[in-house]
Amino acid sequence: MILGALLISIAAVLVLAAVIAGAQKELKERRRQHLEKALSEVMSDVKATSHDEATGTLNGLPTRVHVGHDLLTATVTLPEAVLTYEELLGRFGTRYLRGRLTDHGAAVKKDELELSVVNEQQVEDSIATLVSRLEIAAEVLALRDFVPAELLARIPQLHSAVEVDQTLDALTTHFPRAPETRDAFAAAMARYGKDKKLAARAEAFLATAR
């Protein structure tokens, strides 16, 4: 009799645990759908992979969102700029921009902008605050404009035609219309004009850039 009662108790506990697990799973799924719907109002291509993780595109930039206990965090992947945005911020970022990043709870790490806001009771309110603050991404993105001049300035310091060729690759791939790209080819010709491959490439580019 005691054994039977024990088995019944165990079975009841297992059933209760299964019910609780099912309810938790259902709750997480509802929260996942809610998060996806809320983000879809302000982002495109949104996909919530769980109740606290989602990806999408904001202003054309790939963005990951994490819902924590206290903070809602977005991580924006910035377009490749040859040099990392973290380096560009260190070299060319103004005190004003750095102050704005601090005020917004944002940080630049390599080629990503990470920004956190307090997780409000309503996730929609947190998302609205997050999106408004993410406008600062455009200011960080503007640091990319310094890259062509920086790469051009580095050409005289390079030690081989191979290094120069790699720099020209970066310029033509990411900044084909920048005036500094044309100047870089002219500088490469002046220094490594005897390198036939490099000279031919420079002549071809300069001919099309006229």
Protein backbone atom coordinates (compact mmCIF):
# COMPACT_ATOMS: atom_id res chain seq x y z
CA MET A 1 0.00 0.00 0.00
CA ILE A 2 2.82 2.37 0.90
CA LEU A 3 4.62 1.50 -2.33
CA GLY A 4 1.45 2.09 -4.32
CA ALA A 5 0.92 5.48 -2.70
CA LEU A 6 4.54 6.38 -3.38
CA LEU A 7 4.21 5.43 -7.04
CA ILE A 8 1.02 7.49 -7.32
CA SER A 9 2.78 10.47 -5.74
CA ILE A 10 5.72 10.12 -8.12
CA ALA A 11 3.36 9.88 -11.09
CA ALA A 12 1.51 12.98 -9.91
CA VAL A 13 4.77 14.91 -9.57
CA LEU A 14 5.84 13.84 -13.06
CA VAL A 15 2.50 14.90 -14.52
CA LEU A 16 2.71 18.23 -12.73
CA ALA A 17 6.27 18.75 -13.98
CA ALA A 18 5.16 17.97 -17.53
CA VAL A 19 2.27 20.42 -17.23
CA ILE A 20 4.58 23.15 -15.90
CA ALA A 21 7.16 22.47 -18.64
CA GLY A 22 4.43 22.64 -21.27
CA ALA A 23 3.11 25.90 -19.88
CA GLN A 24 6.60 27.41 -19.81
CA LYS A 25 7.22 26.31 -23.38
CA GLU A 26 3.92 27.83 -24.48
CA LEU A 27 4.70 31.07 -22.63
CA LYS A 28 8.14 31.32 -24.28
CA GLU A 29 6.58 30.73 -27.69
CA ARG A 30 4.04 33.51 -27.11
CA ARG A 31 6.84 35.82 -26.00
CA ARG A 32 8.87 34.86 -29.10
CA GLN A 33 5.95 35.71 -31.36
CA HIS A 34 5.35 38.96 -29.46
CA LEU A 35 9.02 39.96 -29.82
CA GLU A 36 9.01 39.16 -33.54
CA LYS A 37 5.83 41.15 -34.11
CA ALA A 38 7.07 44.15 -32.11
CA LEU A 39 10.41 44.25 -33.93
CA SER A 40 8.71 43.86 -37.31
CA GLU A 41 7.10 47.27 -36.74
CA VAL A 42 10.51 48.98 -36.92
CA MET A 43 12.82 46.47 -38.66
CA SER A 44 12.70 44.35 -41.79
CA ASP A 45 13.45 40.65 -42.31
CA VAL A 46 12.84 39.99 -38.61
CA LYS A 47 13.22 36.47 -37.26
CA ALA A 48 12.95 35.73 -33.54
CA THR A 49 14.76 32.47 -32.90
CA SER A 50 13.66 32.40 -29.25
CA HIS A 51 11.80 34.52 -26.72
CA ASP A 52 14.94 36.59 -26.10
CA GLU A 53 16.91 36.52 -29.39
CA ALA A 54 16.07 38.00 -32.78
CA THR A 55 17.75 39.18 -35.96
CA GLY A 56 16.70 41.61 -38.64
CA THR A 57 17.70 44.65 -40.66
CA LEU A 58 17.51 48.21 -39.38
CA ASN A 59 18.21 51.05 -41.82
CA GLY A 60 19.88 48.52 -44.12
CA LEU A 61 22.23 47.20 -41.43
CA PRO A 62 22.13 43.64 -40.02
CA THR A 63 21.01 43.84 -36.40
CA ARG A 64 20.83 41.30 -33.57
CA VAL A 65 18.57 41.91 -30.57
CA HIS A 66 18.87 40.28 -27.16
CA VAL A 67 16.25 40.64 -24.44
CA GLY A 68 17.92 40.36 -21.05
CA HIS A 69 16.45 40.56 -17.57
CA ASP A 70 17.35 44.23 -17.15
CA LEU A 71 18.55 45.37 -20.58
CA LEU A 72 17.48 45.20 -24.20
CA THR A 73 20.61 45.10 -26.35
CA ALA A 74 21.07 45.59 -30.09
CA THR A 75 24.24 44.73 -31.96
CA VAL A 76 24.54 46.37 -35.38
CA THR A 77 27.02 45.02 -37.92
CA LEU A 78 28.57 47.92 -39.83
CA PRO A 79 29.66 47.56 -43.49
CA GLU A 80 33.29 46.64 -44.04
CA ALA A 81 35.59 49.64 -44.16
CA VAL A 82 39.03 47.95 -44.45
CA LEU A 83 39.98 49.48 -41.10
CA THR A 84 37.76 48.58 -38.15
CA TYR A 85 35.32 51.17 -36.88
CA GLU A 86 36.85 50.75 -33.45
CA GLU A 87 40.19 51.90 -34.91
CA LEU A 88 38.52 54.69 -36.87
CA LEU A 89 36.75 55.92 -33.73
CA GLY A 90 40.05 55.94 -31.87
CA ARG A 91 41.82 57.88 -34.63
CA PHE A 92 39.13 60.18 -35.99
CA GLY A 93 36.22 60.14 -33.55
CA THR A 94 35.51 63.52 -32.00
CA ARG A 95 35.05 64.05 -28.30
CA TYR A 96 31.45 64.94 -29.10
CA LEU A 97 30.83 61.59 -30.83
CA ARG A 98 32.46 59.64 -28.02
CA GLY A 99 30.31 61.53 -25.53
CA ARG A 100 27.18 60.77 -27.55
CA LEU A 101 28.04 57.08 -27.61
CA THR A 102 28.47 57.08 -23.84
CA ASP A 103 25.20 58.96 -23.31
CA HIS A 104 23.40 56.45 -25.54
CA GLY A 105 24.82 53.44 -23.71
CA ALA A 106 26.63 52.44 -26.90
CA ALA A 107 30.07 51.07 -27.70
CA VAL A 108 31.97 50.30 -30.89
CA LYS A 109 33.70 46.91 -30.91
CA LYS A 110 35.65 46.10 -34.06
CA ASP A 111 33.00 46.41 -36.81
CA GLU A 112 29.94 46.32 -34.56
CA LEU A 113 27.95 48.94 -32.70
CA GLU A 114 26.43 47.64 -29.46
CA LEU A 115 23.74 49.63 -27.67
CA SER A 116 21.67 48.78 -24.59
CA VAL A 117 18.57 50.34 -23.04
CA VAL A 118 16.64 49.55 -19.88
CA ASN A 119 14.18 46.72 -20.45
CA GLU A 120 10.78 48.29 -19.76
CA GLN A 121 7.70 46.33 -18.75
CA GLN A 122 6.38 46.66 -22.29
CA VAL A 123 8.93 45.46 -24.83
CA GLU A 124 7.48 47.86 -27.40
CA ASP A 125 8.58 50.81 -25.26
CA SER A 126 12.11 49.41 -24.97
CA ILE A 127 12.27 48.82 -28.72
CA ALA A 128 11.11 52.37 -29.47
CA THR A 129 13.86 53.79 -27.24
CA LEU A 130 16.41 51.43 -28.75
CA VAL A 131 15.57 52.40 -32.33
CA SER A 132 15.68 56.13 -31.59
CA ARG A 133 19.12 55.80 -30.03
CA LEU A 134 20.40 53.62 -32.87
CA GLU A 135 20.26 56.68 -35.10
CA ILE A 136 23.79 57.25 -33.82
CA ALA A 137 24.87 54.38 -36.09
CA ALA A 138 24.85 56.86 -38.98
CA GLU A 139 27.42 59.00 -37.15
CA VAL A 140 29.66 56.00 -36.56
CA LEU A 141 29.20 54.92 -40.17
CA ALA A 142 30.42 58.36 -41.30
CA LEU A 143 33.87 57.49 -39.92
CA ARG A 144 34.21 55.32 -43.02
CA ASP A 145 34.81 58.50 -45.01
CA PHE A 146 38.24 58.85 -43.41
CA VAL A 147 39.47 55.50 -44.75
CA PRO A 148 40.54 56.46 -48.31
CA ALA A 149 42.76 59.31 -47.09
CA GLU A 150 44.21 57.09 -44.36
CA LEU A 151 45.07 54.31 -46.82
CA LEU A 152 46.56 56.85 -49.23
CA ALA A 153 48.75 58.25 -46.44
CA ARG A 154 50.03 54.76 -45.67
CA ILE A 155 51.29 54.00 -49.18
CA PRO A 156 54.66 55.80 -48.77
CA GLN A 157 55.23 53.77 -45.59
CA LEU A 158 54.66 50.37 -47.21
CA HIS A 159 57.69 48.19 -47.82
CA SER A 160 56.79 46.25 -50.96
CA ALA A 161 54.78 46.33 -54.15
CA VAL A 162 52.70 43.46 -52.76
CA GLU A 163 51.59 45.57 -49.79
CA VAL A 164 50.80 48.46 -52.11
CA ASP A 165 48.81 46.12 -54.35
CA GLN A 166 46.77 44.94 -51.35
CA THR A 167 46.03 48.54 -50.41
CA LEU A 168 44.93 49.31 -53.95
CA ASP A 169 42.70 46.23 -53.82
CA ALA A 170 41.01 47.58 -50.72
CA LEU A 171 40.51 51.01 -52.27
CA THR A 172 39.11 49.78 -55.57
CA THR A 173 36.82 47.28 -53.84
CA HIS A 174 35.34 49.60 -51.22
CA PHE A 175 36.05 53.14 -52.45
CA PRO A 176 36.31 53.02 -56.27
CA ARG A 177 35.06 56.59 -56.76
CA ALA A 178 36.99 58.28 -53.97
CA PRO A 179 39.49 60.90 -55.24
CA GLU A 180 42.07 59.35 -52.91
CA THR A 181 41.86 56.08 -54.83
CA ARG A 182 43.07 57.78 -58.00
CA ASP A 183 45.79 59.54 -55.99
CA ALA A 184 46.81 56.19 -54.49
CA PHE A 185 47.39 54.71 -57.94
CA ALA A 186 49.43 57.75 -58.92
CA ALA A 187 51.49 57.41 -55.73
CA ALA A 188 51.96 53.70 -56.39
CA MET A 189 53.21 54.45 -59.90
CA ALA A 190 55.65 57.03 -58.57
CA ARG A 191 57.14 54.61 -56.07
CA TYR A 192 56.81 51.20 -57.71
CA GLY A 193 56.61 52.06 -61.39
CA LYS A 194 59.26 49.45 -62.17
CA ASP A 195 56.96 46.66 -60.98
CA LYS A 196 55.35 45.68 -64.30
CA LYS A 197 52.22 44.12 -62.83
CA LEU A 198 51.57 47.06 -60.54
CA ALA A 199 52.37 49.58 -63.25
CA ALA A 200 49.98 47.91 -65.69
CA ARG A 201 47.22 47.87 -63.11
CA ALA A 202 47.77 51.52 -62.21
CA GLU A 203 47.81 52.60 -65.84
CA ALA A 204 44.58 50.70 -66.53
CA PHE A 205 42.81 52.24 -63.54
CA LEU A 206 44.03 55.76 -64.25
CA ALA A 207 42.93 55.44 -67.87
CA THR A 208 39.37 54.53 -66.87
CA ALA A 209 39.27 57.15 -64.12
CA ARG A 210 39.94 60.05 -66.45
